Protein backbone atom coordinates (compact mmCIF):
# COMPACT_ATOMS: atom_id res chain seq x y z
CA MET A 1 8.53 45.32 38.75
CA GLN A 2 9.76 45.47 35.20
CA ASN A 3 11.58 48.54 33.97
CA ASP A 4 11.04 49.05 30.28
CA ILE A 5 13.36 51.49 28.64
CA ILE A 6 11.92 53.39 25.77
CA ASP A 7 14.56 54.16 23.15
CA MET A 8 14.58 57.67 21.70
CA ILE A 9 13.57 57.97 18.06
CA GLU A 10 16.30 58.89 15.64
CA PRO A 11 15.39 61.92 13.54
CA THR A 12 15.22 61.58 9.79
CA PRO A 13 18.76 62.13 8.48
CA LYS A 14 19.66 65.42 6.89
CA LEU A 15 21.31 65.22 3.51
CA HIS A 16 24.06 67.73 2.88
CA SER A 17 25.49 67.24 -0.59
CA LYS A 18 23.61 68.14 -3.75
CA LYS A 19 24.18 64.63 -5.14
CA CYS A 20 22.49 63.01 -2.19
CA LYS A 21 19.62 65.51 -2.19
CA LEU A 22 19.09 64.85 -5.91
CA ILE A 23 19.06 61.10 -5.41
CA SER A 24 16.58 61.43 -2.54
CA TYR A 25 14.39 63.67 -4.66
CA VAL A 26 14.37 61.20 -7.57
CA ILE A 27 13.46 58.29 -5.23
CA TRP A 28 10.69 60.42 -3.73
CA LEU A 29 9.33 61.23 -7.19
CA PHE A 30 9.49 57.57 -8.13
CA LEU A 31 7.60 56.48 -5.00
CA LYS A 32 5.05 59.23 -5.25
CA PHE A 33 4.09 59.39 -8.92
CA THR A 34 4.90 56.07 -10.63
CA THR A 35 1.48 54.62 -9.94
CA TYR A 36 -0.28 57.56 -11.55
CA ILE A 37 2.10 57.80 -14.54
CA VAL A 38 1.79 54.13 -15.32
CA THR A 39 -2.01 54.27 -15.06
CA ILE A 40 -2.35 57.31 -17.32
CA LEU A 41 0.04 55.81 -19.84
CA SER A 42 -1.95 52.52 -19.95
CA TRP A 43 -5.18 54.49 -20.24
CA TYR A 44 -3.81 56.41 -23.14
CA LEU A 45 -2.42 53.32 -24.90
CA TYR A 46 -5.19 50.82 -24.14
CA ASP A 47 -8.56 51.09 -22.42
CA TYR A 48 -10.32 52.16 -19.22
CA PHE A 49 -10.53 48.54 -18.00
CA ILE A 50 -6.85 47.92 -18.57
CA ALA A 51 -5.98 51.24 -16.95
CA PHE A 52 -8.03 50.30 -13.85
CA LEU A 53 -6.33 46.94 -13.54
CA THR A 54 -2.96 48.60 -14.08
CA LEU A 55 -3.78 51.09 -11.31
CA ILE A 56 -4.50 48.23 -8.90
CA LEU A 57 -1.41 46.27 -9.93
CA SER A 58 0.94 49.28 -9.81
CA PHE A 59 -0.47 50.26 -6.41
CA ILE A 60 0.39 46.80 -5.08
CA VAL A 61 3.88 46.72 -6.68
CA MET A 62 4.73 50.24 -5.46
CA GLY A 63 3.57 49.29 -1.98
CA ILE A 64 5.95 46.29 -2.05
CA ILE A 65 8.83 48.47 -3.28
CA ARG A 66 8.07 51.15 -0.62
CA SER A 67 7.98 48.55 2.18
CA LYS A 68 11.25 46.95 0.99
CA LEU A 69 13.01 50.36 0.98
CA ARG A 70 11.53 51.11 4.38
CA ASN A 71 12.63 47.77 5.89
CA ILE A 72 16.16 48.11 4.46
CA ALA A 73 16.87 51.66 5.51
CA ILE A 74 14.92 52.54 8.66
CA PRO A 75 16.28 51.15 11.94
CA GLN A 76 14.50 48.10 13.33
CA LYS A 77 13.23 49.88 16.44
CA GLN A 78 11.66 52.70 14.43
CA GLN A 79 9.78 50.68 11.86
CA GLU A 80 6.58 50.88 13.92
CA TYR A 81 6.31 54.59 13.11
CA GLN A 82 4.65 55.86 9.92
CA TYR A 83 6.93 57.45 7.31
CA ASN A 84 5.90 59.30 4.19
CA ASP A 85 7.61 58.87 0.82
CA LYS A 86 10.05 61.71 1.48
CA GLY A 87 11.09 60.22 4.80
CA ILE A 88 11.65 56.79 3.29
CA ALA A 89 13.70 58.32 0.42
CA ASP A 90 15.85 60.34 2.87
CA TRP A 91 16.47 57.32 5.10
CA TYR A 92 17.31 55.08 2.17
CA THR A 93 19.60 57.64 0.57
CA ALA A 94 21.41 58.42 3.83
CA ARG A 95 21.83 54.83 4.98
CA GLU A 96 22.45 52.98 1.72
CA LEU A 97 23.61 55.36 -1.01
CA CYS A 98 25.37 58.27 0.78
CA TYR A 99 26.68 56.28 3.74
CA ASP A 100 30.30 57.46 3.23
CA GLU A 101 29.25 61.06 3.32
CA ALA A 102 27.46 60.65 6.68
CA ASN A 103 30.56 58.96 8.16
CA LYS A 104 32.84 61.76 6.99
CA LYS A 105 30.58 64.34 8.67
CA ILE A 106 30.69 62.42 11.92
CA GLU A 107 34.49 62.01 11.77
CA ARG A 108 35.00 65.75 11.28
CA ILE A 109 32.98 66.58 14.36
């Protein structure tokens, strides 16, 4: 009989400093609204057809960027779970950009 151990899921990290929260918020805005902003801008500058193709292309490019951030920041065992843009931004900010702050919090405890 095989005993499989199921690892507990790590919760999404909490950001404590205002700098880290701001960075996470900017990344979230970028992931959430870049596709729409680029499409509306191309529609305003060019044509409906160009805007539609830009929508498709920006959707693909933002999906690639989102998956790269997700694969870099989220632990390997938790990548099977679905994360929204805010969760990906929080993980990326906590693991890659504000890593020193997270270690200082742990050392104080």
